[in-house]
Amino acid sequence: MGAKGAPSRRRQAGRRPRYLPTGSFPFLLLLLLLCIQLGGGQKKKENLLAEKVEQLMEWSSRRSIFRMNGDKFRKFIKTPPRNYSMIVMFTALQPQRQCSVCRQANEEYQILANSWRYSSAFCNKLFFSMVDYDEGTDVFQQLNMNSAPTFMHFPPKGRPKRADTFDLQRIGFAAEQLAKWIADRTDVHIRVFRPPNYSGTIALALLVSLVGGLLYLRRNNLEFIYNKTGWAMVSLCIVFAMTSGQMWNHIRGPPYAHKNPHNGQVSYIHGSSQAQFVAESHIILLLNAAITMGMVLLNEAATSKGDVGKRRTF
């Protein structure tokens, strides 16, 4: 055993230790520092994201929609990291702006945000905010935005696409339409809960009471119910309202008119065939009423046997 082990020990004793080349140490040191820096940068990014989400959740716990100025917009929306979607309404709610449609859109936006805030599906993946023109003029300039209200979706990654801007002129700003658009862009489905509104019920009760009281007072003389002229006027009013687009206005909620922010010119007729303004409906209603009145006067002039001058005037 001792004789056989001696050559082996001599071979081991004759081996020399191997060392790495001297030039590889700076490379290894640089690689180690790079890994440490990348790990530290990733950790810093995660901490920054956690702070942003925590701040947004705190604001959401106070209000369903939190207001943003230029600094907050750049910090929480434009600057990464971000793993959440942000819905922003760009508006002008100050009284001196005289934007009535902004106030109407804000009411629908509040209903939508409250429905999300108090739903069981509420999470930190979707937030609602608002930028007022007088509080964030630089944001409007940065986005080249010249009209209000405007709804935009800022996705977790990348820049907003064309579909991330809500088509308010064509669809309207009803909370249900906004919820459908958000579902298409974020896969977050919001069930809209509207606060109870008893104005319609009260108005109907008053109308029934008025008609009932009138019938009671005229219970001995109900010939007016058979008045053809009265029923014709009621029918014409319904026809004028429907053919002028009043039902479309009720569903879509378009603005009354549009004021160009550059030259101040007010447009009462919409430039697209897919939308309209409320003023446009009123113009169509008046034109239809004028045409109908003209036809009635022509018929009266042709069928009556009264004074010739009066018939010519008709």
C-alpha atoms as a PDB file:
ATOM      1  CA  MET A   1       0.000   0.000   0.000  1.00  0.00           C
ATOM      2  CA  GLY A   2       2.786   2.410   0.950  1.00  0.00           C
ATOM      3  CA  ALA A   3       4.822   1.613  -2.200  1.00  0.00           C
ATOM      4  CA  LYS A   4       1.868   2.077  -4.523  1.00  0.00           C
ATOM      5  CA  GLY A   5       0.795   5.363  -2.910  1.00  0.00           C
ATOM      6  CA  ALA A   6       4.223   6.989  -3.161  1.00  0.00           C
ATOM      7  CA  PRO A   7       4.166   7.747  -6.939  1.00  0.00           C
ATOM      8  CA  SER A   8       0.700   9.213  -6.585  1.00  0.00           C
ATOM      9  CA  ARG A   9       1.840  11.552  -3.857  1.00  0.00           C
ATOM     10  CA  ARG A  10       4.840  12.571  -5.937  1.00  0.00           C
ATOM     11  CA  ARG A  11       2.597  13.397  -8.925  1.00  0.00           C
ATOM     12  CA  GLN A  12       0.332  15.495  -6.727  1.00  0.00           C
ATOM     13  CA  ALA A  13       3.284  17.260  -5.235  1.00  0.00           C
ATOM     14  CA  GLY A  14       4.591  17.976  -8.707  1.00  0.00           C
ATOM     15  CA  ARG A  15       1.396  19.678  -9.890  1.00  0.00           C
ATOM     16  CA  ARG A  16       1.341  23.473  -9.883  1.00  0.00           C
ATOM     17  CA  PRO A  17      -1.801  25.491  -8.993  1.00  0.00           C
ATOM     18  CA  ARG A  18      -3.585  27.178 -11.925  1.00  0.00           C
ATOM     19  CA  TYR A  19      -4.419  30.893 -11.700  1.00  0.00           C
ATOM     20  CA  LEU A  20      -6.807  32.985 -13.792  1.00  0.00           C
ATOM     21  CA  PRO A  21      -5.243  35.420 -16.221  1.00  0.00           C
ATOM     22  CA  THR A  22      -4.440  38.731 -14.614  1.00  0.00           C
ATOM     23  CA  GLY A  23      -6.566  40.685 -17.148  1.00  0.00           C
ATOM     24  CA  SER A  24      -9.813  38.885 -16.245  1.00  0.00           C
ATOM     25  CA  PHE A  25     -10.093  40.370 -12.738  1.00  0.00           C
ATOM     26  CA  PRO A  26     -11.167  43.881 -13.894  1.00  0.00           C
ATOM     27  CA  PHE A  27     -13.764  42.282 -16.153  1.00  0.00           C
ATOM     28  CA  LEU A  28     -15.197  40.185 -13.313  1.00  0.00           C
ATOM     29  CA  LEU A  29     -15.207  43.189 -11.024  1.00  0.00           C
ATOM     30  CA  LEU A  30     -17.023  45.283 -13.649  1.00  0.00           C
ATOM     31  CA  LEU A  31     -19.568  42.505 -14.190  1.00  0.00           C
ATOM     32  CA  LEU A  32     -20.191  42.242 -10.443  1.00  0.00           C
ATOM     33  CA  LEU A  33     -20.700  46.007 -10.128  1.00  0.00           C
ATOM     34  CA  LEU A  34     -23.065  45.979 -13.108  1.00  0.00           C
ATOM     35  CA  CYS A  35     -25.192  43.228 -11.568  1.00  0.00           C
ATOM     36  CA  ILE A  36     -25.345  45.091  -8.275  1.00  0.00           C
ATOM     37  CA  GLN A  37     -26.351  48.311 -10.061  1.00  0.00           C
ATOM     38  CA  LEU A  38     -29.057  46.591 -12.106  1.00  0.00           C
ATOM     39  CA  GLY A  39     -30.447  44.909  -9.022  1.00  0.00           C
ATOM     40  CA  GLY A  40     -30.466  48.190  -7.150  1.00  0.00           C
ATOM     41  CA  GLY A  41     -32.160  49.993 -10.073  1.00  0.00           C
ATOM     42  CA  GLN A  42     -34.860  47.346 -10.288  1.00  0.00           C
ATOM     43  CA  LYS A  43     -35.451  47.558  -6.567  1.00  0.00           C
ATOM     44  CA  LYS A  44     -35.640  51.344  -6.756  1.00  0.00           C
ATOM     45  CA  LYS A  45     -38.149  51.121  -9.614  1.00  0.00           C
ATOM     46  CA  GLU A  46     -40.334  48.699  -7.650  1.00  0.00           C
ATOM     47  CA  ASN A  47     -40.256  50.980  -4.605  1.00  0.00           C
ATOM     48  CA  LEU A  48     -41.196  54.001  -6.742  1.00  0.00           C
ATOM     49  CA  LEU A  49     -44.106  52.098  -8.315  1.00  0.00           C
ATOM     50  CA  ALA A  50     -45.323  50.960  -4.897  1.00  0.00           C
ATOM     51  CA  GLU A  51     -45.240  54.561  -3.630  1.00  0.00           C
ATOM     52  CA  LYS A  52     -47.226  55.818  -6.635  1.00  0.00           C
ATOM     53  CA  VAL A  53     -49.884  53.123  -6.315  1.00  0.00           C
ATOM     54  CA  GLU A  54     -50.149  53.724  -2.561  1.00  0.00           C
ATOM     55  CA  GLN A  55     -50.632  57.451  -3.133  1.00  0.00           C
ATOM     56  CA  LEU A  56     -53.290  56.858  -5.788  1.00  0.00           C
ATOM     57  CA  MET A  57     -55.154  54.427  -3.545  1.00  0.00           C
ATOM     58  CA  GLU A  58     -55.108  56.986  -0.740  1.00  0.00           C
ATOM     59  CA  TRP A  59     -56.570  59.652  -3.029  1.00  0.00           C
ATOM     60  CA  SER A  60     -59.204  57.203  -4.309  1.00  0.00           C
ATOM     61  CA  SER A  61     -60.264  56.418  -0.755  1.00  0.00           C
ATOM     62  CA  ARG A  62     -61.089  60.102  -0.280  1.00  0.00           C
ATOM     63  CA  ARG A  63     -62.624  60.864  -3.680  1.00  0.00           C
ATOM     64  CA  SER A  64     -63.572  58.734  -6.638  1.00  0.00           C
ATOM     65  CA  ILE A  65     -62.041  61.325  -8.971  1.00  0.00           C
ATOM     66  CA  PHE A  66     -58.907  63.200  -7.959  1.00  0.00           C
ATOM     67  CA  ARG A  67     -57.823  66.429  -9.618  1.00  0.00           C
ATOM     68  CA  MET A  68     -54.397  66.764 -11.210  1.00  0.00           C
ATOM     69  CA  ASN A  69     -52.204  69.691 -12.142  1.00  0.00           C
ATOM     70  CA  GLY A  70     -49.211  69.613 -14.476  1.00  0.00           C
ATOM     71  CA  ASP A  71     -46.752  68.178 -11.938  1.00  0.00           C
ATOM     72  CA  LYS A  72     -49.050  65.379 -10.795  1.00  0.00           C
ATOM     73  CA  PHE A  73     -49.947  64.532 -14.383  1.00  0.00           C
ATOM     74  CA  ARG A  74     -46.304  64.131 -15.355  1.00  0.00           C
ATOM     75  CA  LYS A  75     -45.437  62.152 -12.226  1.00  0.00           C
ATOM     76  CA  PHE A  76     -48.324  59.691 -12.107  1.00  0.00           C
ATOM     77  CA  ILE A  77     -49.254  59.393 -15.792  1.00  0.00           C
ATOM     78  CA  LYS A  78     -46.418  60.345 -18.112  1.00  0.00           C
ATOM     79  CA  THR A  79     -43.444  59.088 -16.086  1.00  0.00           C
ATOM     80  CA  PRO A  80     -42.820  55.322 -15.731  1.00  0.00           C
ATOM     81  CA  PRO A  81     -43.003  52.944 -13.979  1.00  0.00           C
ATOM     82  CA  ARG A  82     -46.746  52.395 -14.142  1.00  0.00           C
ATOM     83  CA  ASN A  83     -48.764  49.168 -13.949  1.00  0.00           C
ATOM     84  CA  TYR A  84     -52.237  50.752 -13.823  1.00  0.00           C
ATOM     85  CA  SER A  85     -54.642  52.357 -16.286  1.00  0.00           C
ATOM     86  CA  MET A  86     -55.691  55.961 -15.823  1.00  0.00           C
ATOM     87  CA  ILE A  87     -58.884  57.527 -17.169  1.00  0.00           C
ATOM     88  CA  VAL A  88     -58.559  61.309 -17.394  1.00  0.00           C
ATOM     89  CA  MET A  89     -61.272  63.840 -18.161  1.00  0.00           C
ATOM     90  CA  PHE A  90     -59.897  67.097 -19.561  1.00  0.00           C
ATOM     91  CA  THR A  91     -62.451  69.764 -18.803  1.00  0.00           C
ATOM     92  CA  ALA A  92     -63.113  73.426 -18.011  1.00  0.00           C
ATOM     93  CA  LEU A  93     -65.450  73.718 -15.038  1.00  0.00           C
ATOM     94  CA  GLN A  94     -64.713  77.276 -13.976  1.00  0.00           C
ATOM     95  CA  PRO A  95     -67.786  79.563 -14.284  1.00  0.00           C
ATOM     96  CA  GLN A  96     -65.955  82.045 -16.509  1.00  0.00           C
ATOM     97  CA  ARG A  97     -65.463  79.328 -19.126  1.00  0.00           C
ATOM     98  CA  GLN A  98     -69.257  78.971 -19.542  1.00  0.00           C
ATOM     99  CA  CYS A  99     -68.960  75.317 -20.530  1.00  0.00           C
ATOM    100  CA  SER A 100     -72.366  73.841 -19.733  1.00  0.00           C
ATOM    101  CA  VAL A 101     -71.574  70.550 -21.446  1.00  0.00           C
ATOM    102  CA  CYS A 102     -68.502  70.210 -19.186  1.00  0.00           C
ATOM    103  CA  ARG A 103     -70.739  70.249 -16.123  1.00  0.00           C
ATOM    104  CA  GLN A 104     -73.093  67.704 -17.663  1.00  0.00           C
ATOM    105  CA  ALA A 105     -70.204  65.419 -18.625  1.00  0.00           C
ATOM    106  CA  ASN A 106     -68.746  65.800 -15.135  1.00  0.00           C
ATOM    107  CA  GLU A 107     -71.981  64.536 -13.580  1.00  0.00           C
ATOM    108  CA  GLU A 108     -71.893  61.390 -15.739  1.00  0.00           C
ATOM    109  CA  TYR A 109     -68.193  60.946 -15.006  1.00  0.00           C
ATOM    110  CA  GLN A 110     -68.878  61.158 -11.272  1.00  0.00           C
ATOM    111  CA  ILE A 111     -71.577  58.479 -11.558  1.00  0.00           C
ATOM    112  CA  LEU A 112     -69.170  56.189 -13.408  1.00  0.00           C
ATOM    113  CA  ALA A 113     -66.283  56.728 -10.976  1.00  0.00           C
ATOM    114  CA  ASN A 114     -68.515  56.191  -7.935  1.00  0.00           C
ATOM    115  CA  SER A 115     -69.859  52.981  -9.472  1.00  0.00           C
ATOM    116  CA  TRP A 116     -66.274  51.704  -9.784  1.00  0.00           C
ATOM    117  CA  ARG A 117     -65.132  52.973  -6.388  1.00  0.00           C
ATOM    118  CA  TYR A 118     -67.931  51.251  -4.452  1.00  0.00           C
ATOM    119  CA  SER A 119     -68.079  48.049  -6.502  1.00  0.00           C
ATOM    120  CA  SER A 120     -66.779  44.704  -5.273  1.00  0.00           C
ATOM    121  CA  ALA A 121     -64.338  44.545  -8.220  1.00  0.00           C
ATOM    122  CA  PHE A 122     -62.500  47.742  -7.204  1.00  0.00           C
ATOM    123  CA  CYS A 123     -58.715  47.328  -7.366  1.00  0.00           C
ATOM    124  CA  ASN A 124     -55.515  49.295  -8.005  1.00  0.00           C
ATOM    125  CA  LYS A 125     -55.488  48.616 -11.754  1.00  0.00           C
ATOM    126  CA  LEU A 126     -57.797  51.480 -12.749  1.00  0.00           C
ATOM    127  CA  PHE A 127     -58.065  55.061 -11.512  1.00  0.00           C
ATOM    128  CA  PHE A 128     -60.142  58.098 -12.473  1.00  0.00           C
ATOM    129  CA  SER A 129     -58.716  61.614 -12.526  1.00  0.00           C
ATOM    130  CA  MET A 130     -59.473  65.060 -13.908  1.00  0.00           C
ATOM    131  CA  VAL A 131     -57.419  67.903 -15.361  1.00  0.00           C
ATOM    132  CA  ASP A 132     -59.102  71.302 -15.407  1.00  0.00           C
ATOM    133  CA  TYR A 133     -57.883  73.794 -17.978  1.00  0.00           C
ATOM    134  CA  ASP A 134     -57.328  76.507 -15.378  1.00  0.00           C
ATOM    135  CA  GLU A 135     -55.300  74.128 -13.192  1.00  0.00           C
ATOM    136  CA  GLY A 136     -53.286  72.369 -15.893  1.00  0.00           C
ATOM    137  CA  THR A 137     -52.952  74.633 -18.919  1.00  0.00           C
ATOM    138  CA  ASP A 138     -49.502  73.179 -19.610  1.00  0.00           C
ATOM    139  CA  VAL A 139     -51.023  69.697 -19.881  1.00  0.00           C
ATOM    140  CA  PHE A 140     -53.502  70.886 -22.546  1.00  0.00           C
ATOM    141  CA  GLN A 141     -50.611  72.475 -24.447  1.00  0.00           C
ATOM    142  CA  GLN A 142     -48.464  69.371 -24.120  1.00  0.00           C
ATOM    143  CA  LEU A 143     -51.211  67.180 -25.604  1.00  0.00           C
ATOM    144  CA  ASN A 144     -52.191  69.779 -28.246  1.00  0.00           C
ATOM    145  CA  MET A 145     -55.725  69.685 -26.881  1.00  0.00           C
ATOM    146  CA  ASN A 146     -58.041  72.531 -27.861  1.00  0.00           C
ATOM    147  CA  SER A 147     -61.491  71.316 -26.804  1.00  0.00           C
ATOM    148  CA  ALA A 148     -63.238  70.176 -23.660  1.00  0.00           C
ATOM    149  CA  PRO A 149     -64.535  67.939 -22.336  1.00  0.00           C
ATOM    150  CA  THR A 150     -62.303  65.111 -23.588  1.00  0.00           C
ATOM    151  CA  PHE A 151     -61.871  61.644 -22.112  1.00  0.00           C
ATOM    152  CA  MET A 152     -58.583  59.773 -22.546  1.00  0.00           C
ATOM    153  CA  HIS A 153     -57.241  56.411 -21.416  1.00  0.00           C
ATOM    154  CA  PHE A 154     -53.560  56.135 -20.522  1.00  0.00           C
ATOM    155  CA  PRO A 155     -52.546  52.452 -20.620  1.00  0.00           C
ATOM    156  CA  PRO A 156     -50.035  50.851 -18.218  1.00  0.00           C
ATOM    157  CA  LYS A 157     -47.406  50.606 -20.959  1.00  0.00           C
ATOM    158  CA  GLY A 158     -46.782  52.637 -24.056  1.00  0.00           C
ATOM    159  CA  ARG A 159     -48.437  55.736 -25.373  1.00  0.00           C
ATOM    160  CA  PRO A 160     -52.189  56.194 -25.854  1.00  0.00           C
ATOM    161  CA  LYS A 161     -53.497  55.131 -29.237  1.00  0.00           C
ATOM    162  CA  ARG A 162     -56.229  56.743 -31.264  1.00  0.00           C
ATOM    163  CA  ALA A 163     -58.874  54.445 -29.754  1.00  0.00           C
ATOM    164  CA  ASP A 164     -57.798  55.587 -26.266  1.00  0.00           C
ATOM    165  CA  THR A 165     -59.555  58.907 -26.898  1.00  0.00           C
ATOM    166  CA  PHE A 166     -63.296  58.635 -26.330  1.00  0.00           C
ATOM    167  CA  ASP A 167     -65.418  59.689 -29.325  1.00  0.00           C
ATOM    168  CA  LEU A 168     -67.689  62.011 -27.400  1.00  0.00           C
ATOM    169  CA  GLN A 169     -69.202  63.742 -30.433  1.00  0.00           C
ATOM    170  CA  ARG A 170     -70.456  60.492 -31.936  1.00  0.00           C
ATOM    171  CA  ILE A 171     -71.332  58.442 -28.841  1.00  0.00           C
ATOM    172  CA  GLY A 172     -72.173  61.045 -26.197  1.00  0.00           C
ATOM    173  CA  PHE A 173     -70.960  61.096 -22.608  1.00  0.00           C
ATOM    174  CA  ALA A 174     -73.486  58.897 -20.797  1.00  0.00           C
ATOM    175  CA  ALA A 175     -71.929  56.857 -17.976  1.00  0.00           C
ATOM    176  CA  GLU A 176     -73.008  53.607 -19.622  1.00  0.00           C
ATOM    177  CA  GLN A 177     -71.245  54.526 -22.868  1.00  0.00           C
ATOM    178  CA  LEU A 178     -68.091  55.481 -20.974  1.00  0.00           C
ATOM    179  CA  ALA A 179     -68.179  52.163 -19.099  1.00  0.00           C
ATOM    180  CA  LYS A 180     -68.438  50.249 -22.381  1.00  0.00           C
ATOM    181  CA  TRP A 181     -65.465  52.161 -23.809  1.00  0.00           C
ATOM    182  CA  ILE A 182     -63.392  51.472 -20.677  1.00  0.00           C
ATOM    183  CA  ALA A 183     -64.209  47.762 -20.919  1.00  0.00           C
ATOM    184  CA  ASP A 184     -62.939  47.738 -24.515  1.00  0.00           C
ATOM    185  CA  ARG A 185     -59.672  49.450 -23.562  1.00  0.00           C
ATOM    186  CA  THR A 186     -58.889  47.865 -20.174  1.00  0.00           C
ATOM    187  CA  ASP A 187     -61.009  44.674 -19.874  1.00  0.00           C
ATOM    188  CA  VAL A 188     -62.404  46.170 -16.659  1.00  0.00           C
ATOM    189  CA  HIS A 189     -66.196  45.920 -16.608  1.00  0.00           C
ATOM    190  CA  ILE A 190     -68.025  48.531 -14.538  1.00  0.00           C
ATOM    191  CA  ARG A 191     -71.685  48.191 -13.675  1.00  0.00           C
ATOM    192  CA  VAL A 192     -73.162  51.680 -13.538  1.00  0.00           C
ATOM    193  CA  PHE A 193     -75.330  52.460 -10.518  1.00  0.00           C
ATOM    194  CA  ARG A 194     -77.277  55.681 -10.798  1.00  0.00           C
ATOM    195  CA  PRO A 195     -78.615  57.452  -7.721  1.00  0.00           C
ATOM    196  CA  PRO A 196     -82.393  57.348  -7.450  1.00  0.00           C
ATOM    197  CA  ASN A 197     -84.069  60.186  -9.322  1.00  0.00           C
ATOM    198  CA  TYR A 198     -87.661  60.858  -8.346  1.00  0.00           C
ATOM    199  CA  SER A 199     -88.161  63.927 -10.545  1.00  0.00           C
ATOM    200  CA  GLY A 200     -89.748  61.849 -13.319  1.00  0.00           C
ATOM    201  CA  THR A 201     -92.122  60.162 -10.882  1.00  0.00           C
ATOM    202  CA  ILE A 202     -93.089  63.494  -9.318  1.00  0.00           C
ATOM    203  CA  ALA A 203     -93.660  65.068 -12.741  1.00  0.00           C
ATOM    204  CA  LEU A 204     -95.852  62.148 -13.814  1.00  0.00           C
ATOM    205  CA  ALA A 205     -97.862  62.354 -10.595  1.00  0.00           C
ATOM    206  CA  LEU A 206     -98.385  66.094 -11.089  1.00  0.00           C
ATOM    207  CA  LEU A 207     -99.476  65.538 -14.690  1.00  0.00           C
ATOM    208  CA  VAL A 208    -101.955  62.831 -13.704  1.00  0.00           C
ATOM    209  CA  SER A 209    -103.291  65.049 -10.915  1.00  0.00           C
ATOM    210  CA  LEU A 210    -103.672  67.992 -13.300  1.00  0.00           C
ATOM    211  CA  VAL A 211    -105.494  65.936 -15.913  1.00  0.00           C
ATOM    212  CA  GLY A 212    -107.664  64.314 -13.257  1.00  0.00           C
ATOM    213  CA  GLY A 213    -108.548  67.677 -11.745  1.00  0.00           C
ATOM    214  CA  LEU A 214    -109.383  69.109 -15.165  1.00  0.00           C
ATOM    215  CA  LEU A 215    -111.634  66.174 -15.993  1.00  0.00           C
ATOM    216  CA  TYR A 216    -113.327  66.494 -12.620  1.00  0.00           C
ATOM    217  CA  LEU A 217    -114.011  70.214 -13.103  1.00  0.00           C
ATOM    218  CA  ARG A 218    -115.325  69.605 -16.617  1.00  0.00           C
ATOM    219  CA  ARG A 219    -117.175  66.395 -15.756  1.00  0.00           C
ATOM    220  CA  ASN A 220    -120.444  67.808 -17.046  1.00  0.00           C
ATOM    221  CA  ASN A 221    -118.958  68.917 -20.355  1.00  0.00           C
ATOM    222  CA  LEU A 222    -116.349  66.557 -21.821  1.00  0.00           C
ATOM    223  CA  GLU A 223    -116.794  67.526 -25.431  1.00  0.00           C
ATOM    224  CA  PHE A 224    -113.224  68.893 -25.573  1.00  0.00           C
ATOM    225  CA  ILE A 225    -111.974  65.288 -25.447  1.00  0.00           C
ATOM    226  CA  TYR A 226    -113.452  64.809 -28.903  1.00  0.00           C
ATOM    227  CA  ASN A 227    -111.827  67.977 -30.267  1.00  0.00           C
ATOM    228  CA  LYS A 228    -109.944  66.922 -33.393  1.00  0.00           C
ATOM    229  CA  THR A 229    -107.866  70.081 -33.523  1.00  0.00           C
ATOM    230  CA  GLY A 230    -106.527  69.550 -30.011  1.00  0.00           C
ATOM    231  CA  TRP A 231    -105.523  65.958 -30.688  1.00  0.00           C
ATOM    232  CA  ALA A 232    -103.956  67.013 -33.992  1.00  0.00           C
ATOM    233  CA  MET A 233    -101.792  69.592 -32.193  1.00  0.00           C
ATOM    234  CA  VAL A 234    -100.663  67.004 -29.628  1.00  0.00           C
ATOM    235  CA  SER A 235     -99.809  64.552 -32.420  1.00  0.00           C
ATOM    236  CA  LEU A 236     -97.845  67.164 -34.341  1.00  0.00           C
ATOM    237  CA  CYS A 237     -95.807  68.077 -31.256  1.00  0.00           C
ATOM    238  CA  ILE A 238     -94.836  64.425 -30.797  1.00  0.00           C
ATOM    239  CA  VAL A 239     -93.944  64.082 -34.493  1.00  0.00           C
ATOM    240  CA  PHE A 240     -91.829  67.267 -34.434  1.00  0.00           C
ATOM    241  CA  ALA A 241     -89.933  66.088 -31.346  1.00  0.00           C
ATOM    242  CA  MET A 242     -89.175  62.662 -32.827  1.00  0.00           C
ATOM    243  CA  THR A 243     -88.254  63.755 -36.358  1.00  0.00           C
ATOM    244  CA  SER A 244     -85.934  66.507 -35.107  1.00  0.00           C
ATOM    245  CA  GLY A 245     -83.744  64.064 -33.154  1.00  0.00           C
ATOM    246  CA  GLN A 246     -84.804  64.842 -29.591  1.00  0.00           C
ATOM    247  CA  MET A 247     -84.739  61.147 -28.671  1.00  0.00           C
ATOM    248  CA  TRP A 248     -81.184  60.862 -30.040  1.00  0.00           C
ATOM    249  CA  ASN A 249     -80.189  63.843 -27.894  1.00  0.00           C
ATOM    250  CA  HIS A 250     -81.738  62.225 -24.837  1.00  0.00           C
ATOM    251  CA  ILE A 251     -79.769  58.996 -25.400  1.00  0.00           C
ATOM    252  CA  ARG A 252     -76.428  60.436 -26.559  1.00  0.00           C
ATOM    253  CA  GLY A 253     -76.319  63.654 -24.545  1.00  0.00           C
ATOM    254  CA  PRO A 254     -74.566  65.906 -27.136  1.00  0.00           C
ATOM    255  CA  PRO A 255     -73.596  69.529 -26.380  1.00  0.00           C
ATOM    256  CA  TYR A 256     -75.945  72.351 -27.330  1.00  0.00           C
ATOM    257  CA  ALA A 257     -73.345  73.891 -29.661  1.00  0.00           C
ATOM    258  CA  HIS A 258     -69.589  73.956 -30.206  1.00  0.00           C
ATOM    259  CA  LYS A 259     -67.368  76.982 -29.680  1.00  0.00           C
ATOM    260  CA  ASN A 260     -64.034  77.009 -31.496  1.00  0.00           C
ATOM    261  CA  PRO A 261     -61.362  77.860 -28.890  1.00  0.00           C
ATOM    262  CA  HIS A 262     -59.106  79.483 -31.512  1.00  0.00           C
ATOM    263  CA  ASN A 263     -61.412  82.002 -33.164  1.00  0.00           C
ATOM    264  CA  GLY A 264     -64.420  81.891 -30.819  1.00  0.00           C
ATOM    265  CA  GLN A 265     -66.816  80.947 -33.627  1.00  0.00           C
ATOM    266  CA  VAL A 266     -69.900  79.028 -32.467  1.00  0.00           C
ATOM    267  CA  SER A 267     -71.135  76.115 -34.609  1.00  0.00           C
ATOM    268  CA  TYR A 268     -74.763  75.083 -34.363  1.00  0.00           C
ATOM    269  CA  ILE A 269     -74.601  72.451 -37.128  1.00  0.00           C
ATOM    270  CA  HIS A 270     -72.337  69.441 -36.623  1.00  0.00           C
ATOM    271  CA  GLY A 271     -69.839  68.798 -39.398  1.00  0.00           C
ATOM    272  CA  SER A 272     -70.340  65.031 -39.361  1.00  0.00           C
ATOM    273  CA  SER A 273     -73.326  63.034 -40.555  1.00  0.00           C
ATOM    274  CA  GLN A 274     -72.918  60.716 -37.550  1.00  0.00           C
ATOM    275  CA  ALA A 275     -73.653  63.324 -34.862  1.00  0.00           C
ATOM    276  CA  GLN A 276     -75.599  66.495 -34.143  1.00  0.00           C
ATOM    277  CA  PHE A 277     -75.898  69.328 -31.648  1.00  0.00           C
ATOM    278  CA  VAL A 278     -79.003  70.110 -29.593  1.00  0.00           C
ATOM    279  CA  ALA A 279     -79.318  73.453 -31.376  1.00  0.00           C
ATOM    280  CA  GLU A 280     -79.433  71.571 -34.671  1.00  0.00           C
ATOM    281  CA  SER A 281     -82.472  69.647 -33.425  1.00  0.00           C
ATOM    282  CA  HIS A 282     -84.218  72.866 -32.500  1.00  0.00           C
ATOM    283  CA  ILE A 283     -83.534  74.314 -35.956  1.00  0.00           C
ATOM    284  CA  ILE A 284     -84.939  71.190 -37.637  1.00  0.00           C
ATOM    285  CA  LEU A 285     -87.994  71.292 -35.356  1.00  0.00           C
ATOM    286  CA  LEU A 286     -88.732  74.924 -36.290  1.00  0.00           C
ATOM    287  CA  LEU A 287     -88.303  74.201 -40.013  1.00  0.00           C
ATOM    288  CA  ASN A 288     -90.657  71.210 -39.845  1.00  0.00           C
ATOM    289  CA  ALA A 289     -93.185  73.259 -37.905  1.00  0.00           C
ATOM    290  CA  ALA A 290     -92.983  76.077 -40.473  1.00  0.00           C
ATOM    291  CA  ILE A 291     -93.492  73.653 -43.374  1.00  0.00           C
ATOM    292  CA  THR A 292     -96.454  72.031 -41.626  1.00  0.00           C
ATOM    293  CA  MET A 293     -98.019  75.395 -40.855  1.00  0.00           C
ATOM    294  CA  GLY A 294     -97.588  76.389 -44.489  1.00  0.00           C
ATOM    295  CA  MET A 295     -99.371  73.237 -45.650  1.00  0.00           C
ATOM    296  CA  VAL A 296    -102.229  73.861 -43.212  1.00  0.00           C
ATOM    297  CA  LEU A 297    -102.622  77.464 -44.426  1.00  0.00           C
ATOM    298  CA  LEU A 298    -102.603  76.340 -48.062  1.00  0.00           C
ATOM    299  CA  ASN A 299    -105.298  73.791 -47.274  1.00  0.00           C
ATOM    300  CA  GLU A 300    -107.375  76.417 -45.451  1.00  0.00           C
ATOM    301  CA  ALA A 301    -107.039  78.827 -48.357  1.00  0.00           C
ATOM    302  CA  ALA A 302    -108.163  76.197 -50.863  1.00  0.00           C
ATOM    303  CA  THR A 303    -111.126  74.842 -48.911  1.00  0.00           C
ATOM    304  CA  SER A 304    -112.525  77.889 -47.133  1.00  0.00           C
ATOM    305  CA  LYS A 305    -115.143  80.133 -48.699  1.00  0.00           C
ATOM    306  CA  GLY A 306    -114.319  83.293 -46.826  1.00  0.00           C
ATOM    307  CA  ASP A 307    -112.881  86.607 -47.917  1.00  0.00           C
ATOM    308  CA  VAL A 308    -110.704  86.441 -51.042  1.00  0.00           C
ATOM    309  CA  GLY A 309    -108.038  88.707 -49.570  1.00  0.00           C
ATOM    310  CA  LYS A 310    -107.736  86.534 -46.476  1.00  0.00           C
ATOM    311  CA  ARG A 311    -107.485  83.415 -48.602  1.00  0.00           C
ATOM    312  CA  ARG A 312    -104.766  85.044 -50.708  1.00  0.00           C
ATOM    313  CA  THR A 313    -102.843  85.918 -47.522  1.00  0.00           C
ATOM    314  CA  PHE A 314    -103.068  82.311 -46.371  1.00  0.00           C
END
